Amino acid sequence: MSEQNDWLVRLPDHPNVLATRIENRPLHLSHNKPHFESGKIAFGGPIYSSQPKDLEDSFKKIIGSIHLCKAATEEEVWDMVRDDPYAKLGVWNLDEVVITPMKVFVSQPL
């Protein structure tokens, strides 16, 4: 098995896709369950335009997603991104995705 590198992945949404995002969230989560179980995705969640006041406000402020992926290459990360239901359904703006190599040194209290 090749060395697994850490990648911070910023996945901006297209405008006006909130309904599609919410409707397909269960599909997105079930698709990614094996990636979480295998450690290919260490964490993920929505990113906001500003800190939401409450749950209802959080939906209005979603502007995309963020993931921490573990993969040998950037292309492997791109394959995971392109295969995600949010990518296939046009929620994420693939032209604006930013995949940044990084290294996790601390993931629990010292």
PDB file of N, CA and C in Angstrom:
ATOM      1  N   MET A   1       0.844  -1.187   0.000  1.00  0.00           N
ATOM      2  CA  MET A   1       0.000   0.000   0.000  1.00  0.00           C
ATOM      3  C   MET A   1       0.883   1.243   0.000  1.00  0.00           C
ATOM      4  N   SER A   2       0.582   2.197  -0.838  1.00  0.00           N
ATOM      5  CA  SER A   2       1.388   3.410  -0.913  1.00  0.00           C
ATOM      6  C   SER A   2       1.090   4.320   0.274  1.00  0.00           C
ATOM      7  N   GLU A   3       2.022   5.226   0.530  1.00  0.00           N
ATOM      8  CA  GLU A   3       1.877   6.151   1.653  1.00  0.00           C
ATOM      9  C   GLU A   3       0.631   7.011   1.482  1.00  0.00           C
ATOM     10  N   GLN A   4      -0.106   7.155   2.570  1.00  0.00           N
ATOM     11  CA  GLN A   4      -1.299   7.993   2.561  1.00  0.00           C
ATOM     12  C   GLN A   4      -0.922   9.394   3.028  1.00  0.00           C
ATOM     13  N   ASN A   5      -1.204  10.374   2.212  1.00  0.00           N
ATOM     14  CA  ASN A   5      -0.941  11.771   2.535  1.00  0.00           C
ATOM     15  C   ASN A   5      -2.233  12.429   2.992  1.00  0.00           C
ATOM     16  N   ASP A   6      -2.096  13.565   3.683  1.00  0.00           N
ATOM     17  CA  ASP A   6      -3.247  14.338   4.149  1.00  0.00           C
ATOM     18  C   ASP A   6      -3.532  15.463   3.163  1.00  0.00           C
ATOM     19  N   TRP A   7      -4.829  15.681   2.902  1.00  0.00           N
ATOM     20  CA  TRP A   7      -5.275  16.701   1.955  1.00  0.00           C
ATOM     21  C   TRP A   7      -6.465  17.443   2.547  1.00  0.00           C
ATOM     22  N   LEU A   8      -6.377  18.762   2.631  1.00  0.00           N
ATOM     23  CA  LEU A   8      -7.510  19.586   3.041  1.00  0.00           C
ATOM     24  C   LEU A   8      -8.257  19.979   1.778  1.00  0.00           C
ATOM     25  N   VAL A   9      -9.538  19.656   1.729  1.00  0.00           N
ATOM     26  CA  VAL A   9     -10.318  19.830   0.502  1.00  0.00           C
ATOM     27  C   VAL A   9     -11.457  20.805   0.769  1.00  0.00           C
ATOM     28  N   ARG A  10     -11.428  21.952   0.079  1.00  0.00           N
ATOM     29  CA  ARG A  10     -12.494  22.957   0.178  1.00  0.00           C
ATOM     30  C   ARG A  10     -13.366  22.812  -1.059  1.00  0.00           C
ATOM     31  N   LEU A  11     -14.668  22.599  -0.828  1.00  0.00           N
ATOM     32  CA  LEU A  11     -15.615  22.276  -1.898  1.00  0.00           C
ATOM     33  C   LEU A  11     -16.740  23.311  -1.920  1.00  0.00           C
ATOM     34  N   PRO A  12     -16.572  24.426  -2.629  1.00  0.00           N
ATOM     35  CA  PRO A  12     -17.604  25.458  -2.650  1.00  0.00           C
ATOM     36  C   PRO A  12     -18.855  24.989  -3.396  1.00  0.00           C
ATOM     37  N   ASP A  13     -19.997  25.449  -2.917  1.00  0.00           N
ATOM     38  CA  ASP A  13     -21.264  25.166  -3.594  1.00  0.00           C
ATOM     39  C   ASP A  13     -21.498  26.149  -4.738  1.00  0.00           C
ATOM     40  N   HIS A  14     -22.251  25.693  -5.734  1.00  0.00           N
ATOM     41  CA  HIS A  14     -22.814  26.609  -6.719  1.00  0.00           C
ATOM     42  C   HIS A  14     -23.882  27.443  -6.016  1.00  0.00           C
ATOM     43  N   PRO A  15     -24.250  28.597  -6.561  1.00  0.00           N
ATOM     44  CA  PRO A  15     -25.347  29.375  -5.982  1.00  0.00           C
ATOM     45  C   PRO A  15     -26.676  28.619  -6.104  1.00  0.00           C
ATOM     46  N   ASN A  16     -27.557  28.867  -5.167  1.00  0.00           N
ATOM     47  CA  ASN A  16     -28.952  28.402  -5.218  1.00  0.00           C
ATOM     48  C   ASN A  16     -29.098  26.885  -5.299  1.00  0.00           C
ATOM     49  N   VAL A  17     -28.277  26.157  -4.545  1.00  0.00           N
ATOM     50  CA  VAL A  17     -28.358  24.686  -4.561  1.00  0.00           C
ATOM     51  C   VAL A  17     -28.765  24.109  -3.205  1.00  0.00           C
ATOM     52  N   LEU A  18     -29.221  24.956  -2.298  1.00  0.00           N
ATOM     53  CA  LEU A  18     -29.529  24.486  -0.950  1.00  0.00           C
ATOM     54  C   LEU A  18     -30.565  23.364  -0.958  1.00  0.00           C
ATOM     55  N   ALA A  19     -31.624  23.507  -1.734  1.00  0.00           N
ATOM     56  CA  ALA A  19     -32.663  22.471  -1.768  1.00  0.00           C
ATOM     57  C   ALA A  19     -32.092  21.140  -2.259  1.00  0.00           C
ATOM     58  N   THR A  20     -31.265  21.187  -3.295  1.00  0.00           N
ATOM     59  CA  THR A  20     -30.642  19.964  -3.817  1.00  0.00           C
ATOM     60  C   THR A  20     -29.708  19.363  -2.775  1.00  0.00           C
ATOM     61  N   ARG A  21     -28.955  20.206  -2.091  1.00  0.00           N
ATOM     62  CA  ARG A  21     -28.030  19.752  -1.043  1.00  0.00           C
ATOM     63  C   ARG A  21     -28.805  19.030   0.059  1.00  0.00           C
ATOM     64  N   ILE A  22     -29.843  19.666   0.579  1.00  0.00           N
ATOM     65  CA  ILE A  22     -30.599  19.087   1.692  1.00  0.00           C
ATOM     66  C   ILE A  22     -31.304  17.800   1.263  1.00  0.00           C
ATOM     67  N   GLU A  23     -31.923  17.824   0.104  1.00  0.00           N
ATOM     68  CA  GLU A  23     -32.650  16.655  -0.397  1.00  0.00           C
ATOM     69  C   GLU A  23     -31.734  15.444  -0.569  1.00  0.00           C
ATOM     70  N   ASN A  24     -30.495  15.677  -0.948  1.00  0.00           N
ATOM     71  CA  ASN A  24     -29.572  14.584  -1.249  1.00  0.00           C
ATOM     72  C   ASN A  24     -28.537  14.321  -0.161  1.00  0.00           C
ATOM     73  N   ARG A  25     -28.699  14.968   0.980  1.00  0.00           N
ATOM     74  CA  ARG A  25     -27.760  14.751   2.084  1.00  0.00           C
ATOM     75  C   ARG A  25     -27.685  13.279   2.492  1.00  0.00           C
ATOM     76  N   PRO A  26     -28.815  12.562   2.638  1.00  0.00           N
ATOM     77  CA  PRO A  26     -28.710  11.136   3.001  1.00  0.00           C
ATOM     78  C   PRO A  26     -27.897  10.327   1.979  1.00  0.00           C
ATOM     79  N   LEU A  27     -28.064  10.626   0.699  1.00  0.00           N
ATOM     80  CA  LEU A  27     -27.303   9.938  -0.348  1.00  0.00           C
ATOM     81  C   LEU A  27     -25.810  10.261  -0.225  1.00  0.00           C
ATOM     82  N   HIS A  28     -25.501  11.533  -0.008  1.00  0.00           N
ATOM     83  CA  HIS A  28     -24.116  11.985   0.176  1.00  0.00           C
ATOM     84  C   HIS A  28     -23.476  11.273   1.376  1.00  0.00           C
ATOM     85  N   LEU A  29     -24.202  11.213   2.493  1.00  0.00           N
ATOM     86  CA  LEU A  29     -23.657  10.584   3.698  1.00  0.00           C
ATOM     87  C   LEU A  29     -23.478   9.080   3.523  1.00  0.00           C
ATOM     88  N   SER A  30     -24.453   8.413   2.920  1.00  0.00           N
ATOM     89  CA  SER A  30     -24.319   6.961   2.736  1.00  0.00           C
ATOM     90  C   SER A  30     -23.197   6.636   1.752  1.00  0.00           C
ATOM     91  N   HIS A  31     -23.032   7.482   0.734  1.00  0.00           N
ATOM     92  CA  HIS A  31     -21.930   7.292  -0.216  1.00  0.00           C
ATOM     93  C   HIS A  31     -20.575   7.379   0.493  1.00  0.00           C
ATOM     94  N   ASN A  32     -20.458   8.319   1.430  1.00  0.00           N
ATOM     95  CA  ASN A  32     -19.175   8.557   2.088  1.00  0.00           C
ATOM     96  C   ASN A  32     -18.932   7.694   3.318  1.00  0.00           C
ATOM     97  N   LYS A  33     -19.933   6.960   3.774  1.00  0.00           N
ATOM     98  CA  LYS A  33     -19.756   6.115   4.960  1.00  0.00           C
ATOM     99  C   LYS A  33     -18.542   5.190   4.837  1.00  0.00           C
ATOM    100  N   PRO A  34     -18.353   4.484   3.723  1.00  0.00           N
ATOM    101  CA  PRO A  34     -17.159   3.632   3.609  1.00  0.00           C
ATOM    102  C   PRO A  34     -15.844   4.419   3.666  1.00  0.00           C
ATOM    103  N   HIS A  35     -15.852   5.655   3.147  1.00  0.00           N
ATOM    104  CA  HIS A  35     -14.641   6.485   3.201  1.00  0.00           C
ATOM    105  C   HIS A  35     -14.306   6.854   4.652  1.00  0.00           C
ATOM    106  N   PHE A  36     -15.347   7.143   5.463  1.00  0.00           N
ATOM    107  CA  PHE A  36     -15.111   7.437   6.878  1.00  0.00           C
ATOM    108  C   PHE A  36     -14.653   6.189   7.614  1.00  0.00           C
ATOM    109  N   GLU A  37     -15.292   5.071   7.337  1.00  0.00           N
ATOM    110  CA  GLU A  37     -14.938   3.823   8.017  1.00  0.00           C
ATOM    111  C   GLU A  37     -13.510   3.384   7.699  1.00  0.00           C
ATOM    112  N   SER A  38     -13.053   3.645   6.489  1.00  0.00           N
ATOM    113  CA  SER A  38     -11.695   3.257   6.092  1.00  0.00           C
ATOM    114  C   SER A  38     -10.650   4.307   6.460  1.00  0.00           C
ATOM    115  N   GLY A  39     -11.102   5.489   6.893  1.00  0.00           N
ATOM    116  CA  GLY A  39     -10.175   6.566   7.217  1.00  0.00           C
ATOM    117  C   GLY A  39      -9.789   7.428   6.029  1.00  0.00           C
ATOM    118  N   LYS A  40     -10.368   7.156   4.848  1.00  0.00           N
ATOM    119  CA  LYS A  40     -10.068   7.975   3.660  1.00  0.00           C
ATOM    120  C   LYS A  40     -10.554   9.414   3.848  1.00  0.00           C
ATOM    121  N   ILE A  41     -11.662   9.589   4.567  1.00  0.00           N
ATOM    122  CA  ILE A  41     -12.110  10.922   4.973  1.00  0.00           C
ATOM    123  C   ILE A  41     -12.054  10.946   6.493  1.00  0.00           C
ATOM    124  N   ALA A  42     -11.195  11.811   7.043  1.00  0.00           N
ATOM    125  CA  ALA A  42     -11.022  11.899   8.494  1.00  0.00           C
ATOM    126  C   ALA A  42     -12.105  12.754   9.134  1.00  0.00           C
ATOM    127  N   PHE A  43     -12.508  13.814   8.441  1.00  0.00           N
ATOM    128  CA  PHE A  43     -13.635  14.622   8.897  1.00  0.00           C
ATOM    129  C   PHE A  43     -14.219  15.354   7.714  1.00  0.00           C
ATOM    130  N   GLY A  44     -15.435  15.828   7.886  1.00  0.00           N
ATOM    131  CA  GLY A  44     -16.096  16.601   6.843  1.00  0.00           C
ATOM    132  C   GLY A  44     -17.275  17.346   7.422  1.00  0.00           C
ATOM    133  N   GLY A  45     -17.706  18.367   6.712  1.00  0.00           N
ATOM    134  CA  GLY A  45     -18.867  19.122   7.156  1.00  0.00           C
ATOM    135  C   GLY A  45     -19.072  20.350   6.302  1.00  0.00           C
ATOM    136  N   PRO A  46     -20.156  21.083   6.590  1.00  0.00           N
ATOM    137  CA  PRO A  46     -20.440  22.287   5.819  1.00  0.00           C
ATOM    138  C   PRO A  46     -19.533  23.441   6.237  1.00  0.00           C
ATOM    139  N   ILE A  47     -19.307  24.353   5.304  1.00  0.00           N
ATOM    140  CA  ILE A  47     -18.664  25.625   5.631  1.00  0.00           C
ATOM    141  C   ILE A  47     -19.709  26.710   5.432  1.00  0.00           C
ATOM    142  N   TYR A  48     -19.569  27.793   6.205  1.00  0.00           N
ATOM    143  CA  TYR A  48     -20.584  28.842   6.264  1.00  0.00           C
ATOM    144  C   TYR A  48     -20.037  30.192   5.813  1.00  0.00           C
ATOM    145  N   SER A  49     -20.957  31.046   5.380  1.00  0.00           N
ATOM    146  CA  SER A  49     -20.598  32.423   5.031  1.00  0.00           C
ATOM    147  C   SER A  49     -20.268  33.225   6.283  1.00  0.00           C
ATOM    148  N   SER A  50     -20.892  32.883   7.401  1.00  0.00           N
ATOM    149  CA  SER A  50     -20.594  33.445   8.720  1.00  0.00           C
ATOM    150  C   SER A  50     -21.125  32.459   9.755  1.00  0.00           C
ATOM    151  N   GLN A  51     -20.711  32.626  10.996  1.00  0.00           N
ATOM    152  CA  GLN A  51     -21.118  31.681  12.043  1.00  0.00           C
ATOM    153  C   GLN A  51     -22.638  31.730  12.238  1.00  0.00           C
ATOM    154  N   PRO A  52     -23.335  30.613  12.090  1.00  0.00           N
ATOM    155  CA  PRO A  52     -24.791  30.614  12.235  1.00  0.00           C
ATOM    156  C   PRO A  52     -25.231  30.802  13.689  1.00  0.00           C
ATOM    157  N   LYS A  53     -26.434  31.394  13.835  1.00  0.00           N
ATOM    158  CA  LYS A  53     -27.004  31.620  15.166  1.00  0.00           C
ATOM    159  C   LYS A  53     -27.647  30.360  15.725  1.00  0.00           C
ATOM    160  N   ASP A  54     -28.208  29.537  14.838  1.00  0.00           N
ATOM    161  CA  ASP A  54     -28.907  28.329  15.265  1.00  0.00           C
ATOM    162  C   ASP A  54     -28.992  27.377  14.074  1.00  0.00           C
ATOM    163  N   LEU A  55     -29.644  26.230  14.276  1.00  0.00           N
ATOM    164  CA  LEU A  55     -29.716  25.216  13.227  1.00  0.00           C
ATOM    165  C   LEU A  55     -30.392  25.743  11.966  1.00  0.00           C
ATOM    166  N   GLU A  56     -31.502  26.425  12.127  1.00  0.00           N
ATOM    167  CA  GLU A  56     -32.210  26.959  10.951  1.00  0.00           C
ATOM    168  C   GLU A  56     -31.332  27.944  10.185  1.00  0.00           C
ATOM    169  N   ASP A  57     -30.651  28.811  10.907  1.00  0.00           N
ATOM    170  CA  ASP A  57     -29.758  29.789  10.286  1.00  0.00           C
ATOM    171  C   ASP A  57     -28.583  29.100   9.595  1.00  0.00           C
ATOM    172  N   SER A  58     -28.149  27.957  10.136  1.00  0.00           N
ATOM    173  CA  SER A  58     -26.996  27.266   9.558  1.00  0.00           C
ATOM    174  C   SER A  58     -27.265  26.839   8.120  1.00  0.00           C
ATOM    175  N   PHE A  59     -28.485  26.401   7.823  1.00  0.00           N
ATOM    176  CA  PHE A  59     -28.802  25.988   6.456  1.00  0.00           C
ATOM    177  C   PHE A  59     -28.713  27.162   5.484  1.00  0.00           C
ATOM    178  N   LYS A  60     -29.121  28.334   5.923  1.00  0.00           N
ATOM    179  CA  LYS A  60     -29.099  29.523   5.062  1.00  0.00           C
ATOM    180  C   LYS A  60     -27.676  29.995   4.764  1.00  0.00           C
ATOM    181  N   LYS A  61     -26.737  29.627   5.613  1.00  0.00           N
ATOM    182  CA  LYS A  61     -25.370  30.142   5.485  1.00  0.00           C
ATOM    183  C   LYS A  61     -24.388  29.147   4.875  1.00  0.00           C
ATOM    184  N   ILE A  62     -24.859  27.969   4.476  1.00  0.00           N
ATOM    185  CA  ILE A  62     -23.956  26.983   3.881  1.00  0.00           C
ATOM    186  C   ILE A  62     -23.446  27.500   2.538  1.00  0.00           C
ATOM    187  N   ILE A  63     -22.127  27.482   2.378  1.00  0.00           N
ATOM    188  CA  ILE A  63     -21.518  27.896   1.107  1.00  0.00           C
ATOM    189  C   ILE A  63     -20.656  26.792   0.499  1.00  0.00           C
ATOM    190  N   GLY A  64     -20.646  25.629   1.137  1.00  0.00           N
ATOM    191  CA  GLY A  64     -19.855  24.527   0.616  1.00  0.00           C
ATOM    192  C   GLY A  64     -19.550  23.511   1.693  1.00  0.00           C
ATOM    193  N   SER A  65     -18.526  22.718   1.433  1.00  0.00           N
ATOM    194  CA  SER A  65     -18.110  21.655   2.350  1.00  0.00           C
ATOM    195  C   SER A  65     -16.601  21.695   2.518  1.00  0.00           C
ATOM    196  N   ILE A  66     -16.145  21.046   3.573  1.00  0.00           N
ATOM    197  CA  ILE A  66     -14.713  20.862   3.783  1.00  0.00           C
ATOM    198  C   ILE A  66     -14.484  19.418   4.207  1.00  0.00           C
ATOM    199  N   HIS A  67     -13.425  18.831   3.699  1.00  0.00           N
ATOM    200  CA  HIS A  67     -13.046  17.463   4.062  1.00  0.00           C
ATOM    201  C   HIS A  67     -11.559  17.431   4.378  1.00  0.00           C
ATOM    202  N   LEU A  68     -11.195  16.519   5.243  1.00  0.00           N
ATOM    203  CA  LEU A  68      -9.798  16.141   5.398  1.00  0.00           C
ATOM    204  C   LEU A  68      -9.701  14.723   4.867  1.00  0.00           C
ATOM    205  N   CYS A  69      -8.998  14.566   3.762  1.00  0.00           N
ATOM    206  CA  CYS A  69      -8.881  13.264   3.097  1.00  0.00           C
ATOM    207  C   CYS A  69      -7.486  12.692   3.286  1.00  0.00           C
ATOM    208  N   LYS A  70      -7.423  11.373   3.257  1.00  0.00           N
ATOM    209  CA  LYS A  70      -6.150  10.654   3.274  1.00  0.00           C
ATOM    210  C   LYS A  70      -6.085   9.857   1.984  1.00  0.00           C
ATOM    211  N   ALA A  71      -5.071  10.164   1.181  1.00  0.00           N
ATOM    212  CA  ALA A  71      -4.909   9.511  -0.118  1.00  0.00           C
ATOM    213  C   ALA A  71      -3.449   9.611  -0.533  1.00  0.00           C
ATOM    214  N   ALA A  72      -3.041   8.718  -1.401  1.00  0.00           N
ATOM    215  CA  ALA A  72      -1.654   8.724  -1.871  1.00  0.00           C
ATOM    216  C   ALA A  72      -1.373   9.929  -2.761  1.00  0.00           C
ATOM    217  N   THR A  73      -2.342  10.295  -3.601  1.00  0.00           N
ATOM    218  CA  THR A  73      -2.120  11.361  -4.582  1.00  0.00           C
ATOM    219  C   THR A  73      -3.301  12.318  -4.629  1.00  0.00           C
ATOM    220  N   GLU A  74      -3.050  13.494  -5.174  1.00  0.00           N
ATOM    221  CA  GLU A  74      -4.125  14.462  -5.377  1.00  0.00           C
ATOM    222  C   GLU A  74      -5.170  13.907  -6.346  1.00  0.00           C
ATOM    223  N   GLU A  75      -4.739  13.168  -7.353  1.00  0.00           N
ATOM    224  CA  GLU A  75      -5.692  12.591  -8.311  1.00  0.00           C
ATOM    225  C   GLU A  75      -6.653  11.627  -7.622  1.00  0.00           C
ATOM    226  N   GLU A  76      -6.163  10.890  -6.654  1.00  0.00           N
ATOM    227  CA  GLU A  76      -7.038   9.994  -5.890  1.00  0.00           C
ATOM    228  C   GLU A  76      -8.104  10.795  -5.138  1.00  0.00           C
ATOM    229  N   VAL A  77      -7.717  11.948  -4.598  1.00  0.00           N
ATOM    230  CA  VAL A  77      -8.685  12.822  -3.933  1.00  0.00           C
ATOM    231  C   VAL A  77      -9.704  13.321  -4.952  1.00  0.00           C
ATOM    232  N   TRP A  78      -9.228  13.755  -6.128  1.00  0.00           N
ATOM    233  CA  TRP A  78     -10.147  14.214  -7.173  1.00  0.00           C
ATOM    234  C   TRP A  78     -11.136  13.113  -7.557  1.00  0.00           C
ATOM    235  N   ASP A  79     -10.677  11.878  -7.627  1.00  0.00           N
ATOM    236  CA  ASP A  79     -11.581  10.765  -7.947  1.00  0.00           C
ATOM    237  C   ASP A  79     -12.680  10.647  -6.898  1.00  0.00           C
ATOM    238  N   MET A  80     -12.318  10.796  -5.624  1.00  0.00           N
ATOM    239  CA  MET A  80     -13.317  10.746  -4.551  1.00  0.00           C
ATOM    240  C   MET A  80     -14.297  11.903  -4.675  1.00  0.00           C
ATOM    241  N   VAL A  81     -13.782  13.095  -4.959  1.00  0.00           N
ATOM    242  CA  VAL A  81     -14.637  14.281  -5.097  1.00  0.00           C
ATOM    243  C   VAL A  81     -15.615  14.099  -6.252  1.00  0.00           C
ATOM    244  N   ARG A  82     -15.110  13.736  -7.418  1.00  0.00           N
ATOM    245  CA  ARG A  82     -15.959  13.608  -8.614  1.00  0.00           C
ATOM    246  C   ARG A  82     -17.019  12.518  -8.472  1.00  0.00           C
ATOM    247  N   ASP A  83     -16.739  11.506  -7.651  1.00  0.00           N
ATOM    248  CA  ASP A  83     -17.657  10.385  -7.474  1.00  0.00           C
ATOM    249  C   ASP A  83     -18.760  10.676  -6.452  1.00  0.00           C
ATOM    250  N   ASP A  84     -18.626  11.766  -5.711  1.00  0.00           N
ATOM    251  CA  ASP A  84     -19.592  12.102  -4.664  1.00  0.00           C
ATOM    252  C   ASP A  84     -20.913  12.573  -5.277  1.00  0.00           C
ATOM    253  N   PRO A  85     -22.052  12.191  -4.691  1.00  0.00           N
ATOM    254  CA  PRO A  85     -23.343  12.660  -5.206  1.00  0.00           C
ATOM    255  C   PRO A  85     -23.449  14.184  -5.298  1.00  0.00           C
ATOM    256  N   TYR A  86     -22.858  14.918  -4.350  1.00  0.00           N
ATOM    257  CA  TYR A  86     -22.921  16.380  -4.431  1.00  0.00           C
ATOM    258  C   TYR A  86     -22.215  16.898  -5.680  1.00  0.00           C
ATOM    259  N   ALA A  87     -21.157  16.242  -6.104  1.00  0.00           N
ATOM    260  CA  ALA A  87     -20.480  16.633  -7.346  1.00  0.00           C
ATOM    261  C   ALA A  87     -21.337  16.265  -8.549  1.00  0.00           C
ATOM    262  N   LYS A  88     -21.843  15.050  -8.568  1.00  0.00           N
ATOM    263  CA  LYS A  88     -22.631  14.569  -9.712  1.00  0.00           C
ATOM    264  C   LYS A  88     -23.941  15.327  -9.883  1.00  0.00           C
ATOM    265  N   LEU A  89     -24.512  15.821  -8.780  1.00  0.00           N
ATOM    266  CA  LEU A  89     -25.786  16.543  -8.834  1.00  0.00           C
ATOM    267  C   LEU A  89     -25.607  18.048  -9.000  1.00  0.00           C
ATOM    268  N   GLY A  90     -24.362  18.510  -9.089  1.00  0.00           N
ATOM    269  CA  GLY A  90     -24.107  19.928  -9.325  1.00  0.00           C
ATOM    270  C   GLY A  90     -24.187  20.804  -8.095  1.00  0.00           C
ATOM    271  N   VAL A  91     -24.127  20.217  -6.906  1.00  0.00           N
ATOM    272  CA  VAL A  91     -24.102  21.031  -5.690  1.00  0.00           C
ATOM    273  C   VAL A  91     -22.749  21.728  -5.577  1.00  0.00           C
ATOM    274  N   TRP A  92     -21.678  20.957  -5.691  1.00  0.00           N
ATOM    275  CA  TRP A  92     -20.342  21.536  -5.593  1.00  0.00           C
ATOM    276  C   TRP A  92     -19.908  22.124  -6.926  1.00  0.00           C
ATOM    277  N   ASN A  93     -19.242  23.264  -6.854  1.00  0.00           N
ATOM    278  CA  ASN A  93     -18.653  23.907  -8.021  1.00  0.00           C
ATOM    279  C   ASN A  93     -17.241  23.340  -8.204  1.00  0.00           C
ATOM    280  N   LEU A  94     -17.126  22.324  -9.041  1.00  0.00           N
ATOM    281  CA  LEU A  94     -15.842  21.634  -9.204  1.00  0.00           C
ATOM    282  C   LEU A  94     -14.747  22.531  -9.768  1.00  0.00           C
ATOM    283  N   ASP A  95     -15.122  23.594 -10.468  1.00  0.00           N
ATOM    284  CA  ASP A  95     -14.119  24.527 -10.994  1.00  0.00           C
ATOM    285  C   ASP A  95     -13.449  25.332  -9.882  1.00  0.00           C
ATOM    286  N   GLU A  96     -14.081  25.391  -8.713  1.00  0.00           N
ATOM    287  CA  GLU A  96     -13.558  26.194  -7.605  1.00  0.00           C
ATOM    288  C   GLU A  96     -13.012  25.349  -6.451  1.00  0.00           C
ATOM    289  N   VAL A  97     -13.002  24.037  -6.593  1.00  0.00           N
ATOM    290  CA  VAL A  97     -12.478  23.164  -5.536  1.00  0.00           C
ATOM    291  C   VAL A  97     -10.993  23.452  -5.319  1.00  0.00           C
ATOM    292  N   VAL A  98     -10.588  23.478  -4.055  1.00  0.00           N
ATOM    293  CA  VAL A  98      -9.179  23.668  -3.703  1.00  0.00           C
ATOM    294  C   VAL A  98      -8.737  22.457  -2.882  1.00  0.00           C
ATOM    295  N   ILE A  99      -7.737  21.753  -3.381  1.00  0.00           N
ATOM    296  CA  ILE A  99      -7.162  20.600  -2.685  1.00  0.00           C
ATOM    297  C   ILE A  99      -5.747  20.983  -2.273  1.00  0.00           C
ATOM    298  N   THR A 100      -5.522  21.047  -0.958  1.00  0.00           N
ATOM    299  CA  THR A 100      -4.252  21.523  -0.420  1.00  0.00           C
ATOM    300  C   THR A 100      -3.546  20.399   0.335  1.00  0.00           C
ATOM    301  N   PRO A 101      -2.299  20.091  -0.047  1.00  0.00           N
ATOM    302  CA  PRO A 101      -1.558  19.107   0.731  1.00  0.00           C
ATOM    303  C   PRO A 101      -1.238  19.669   2.117  1.00  0.00           C
ATOM    304  N   MET A 102      -1.305  18.813   3.113  1.00  0.00           N
ATOM    305  CA  MET A 102      -1.036  19.235   4.489  1.00  0.00           C
ATOM    306  C   MET A 102      -0.562  18.021   5.276  1.00  0.00           C
ATOM    307  N   LYS A 103      -0.295  18.208   6.549  1.00  0.00           N
ATOM    308  CA  LYS A 103       0.072  17.096   7.423  1.00  0.00           C
ATOM    309  C   LYS A 103      -0.607  17.285   8.768  1.00  0.00           C
ATOM    310  N   VAL A 104      -1.327  16.284   9.217  1.00  0.00           N
ATOM    311  CA  VAL A 104      -1.931  16.309  10.544  1.00  0.00           C
ATOM    312  C   VAL A 104      -0.873  15.844  11.544  1.00  0.00           C
ATOM    313  N   PHE A 105      -0.522  16.722  12.480  1.00  0.00           N
ATOM    314  CA  PHE A 105       0.425  16.359  13.532  1.00  0.00           C
ATOM    315  C   PHE A 105      -0.284  16.154  14.866  1.00  0.00           C
ATOM    316  N   VAL A 106      -1.345  16.917  15.111  1.00  0.00           N
ATOM    317  CA  VAL A 106      -2.081  16.810  16.364  1.00  0.00           C
ATOM    318  C   VAL A 106      -3.544  16.559  16.028  1.00  0.00           C
ATOM    319  N   SER A 107      -4.091  15.456  16.543  1.00  0.00           N
ATOM    320  CA  SER A 107      -5.504  15.175  16.302  1.00  0.00           C
ATOM    321  C   SER A 107      -6.239  14.832  17.595  1.00  0.00           C
ATOM    322  N   GLN A 108      -5.529  14.897  18.711  1.00  0.00           N
ATOM    323  CA  GLN A 108      -6.139  14.704  20.017  1.00  0.00           C
ATOM    324  C   GLN A 108      -5.336  15.501  21.036  1.00  0.00           C
ATOM    325  N   PRO A 109      -5.908  15.735  22.214  1.00  0.00           N
ATOM    326  CA  PRO A 109      -5.199  16.561  23.202  1.00  0.00           C
ATOM    327  C   PRO A 109      -3.811  16.023  23.509  1.00  0.00           C
ATOM    328  N   LEU A 110      -2.885  16.952  23.692  1.00  0.00           N
ATOM    329  CA  LEU A 110      -1.500  16.567  24.033  1.00  0.00           C
ATOM    330  C   LEU A 110      -1.375  16.290  25.518  1.00  0.00           C
TER     331      LEU A 110
END
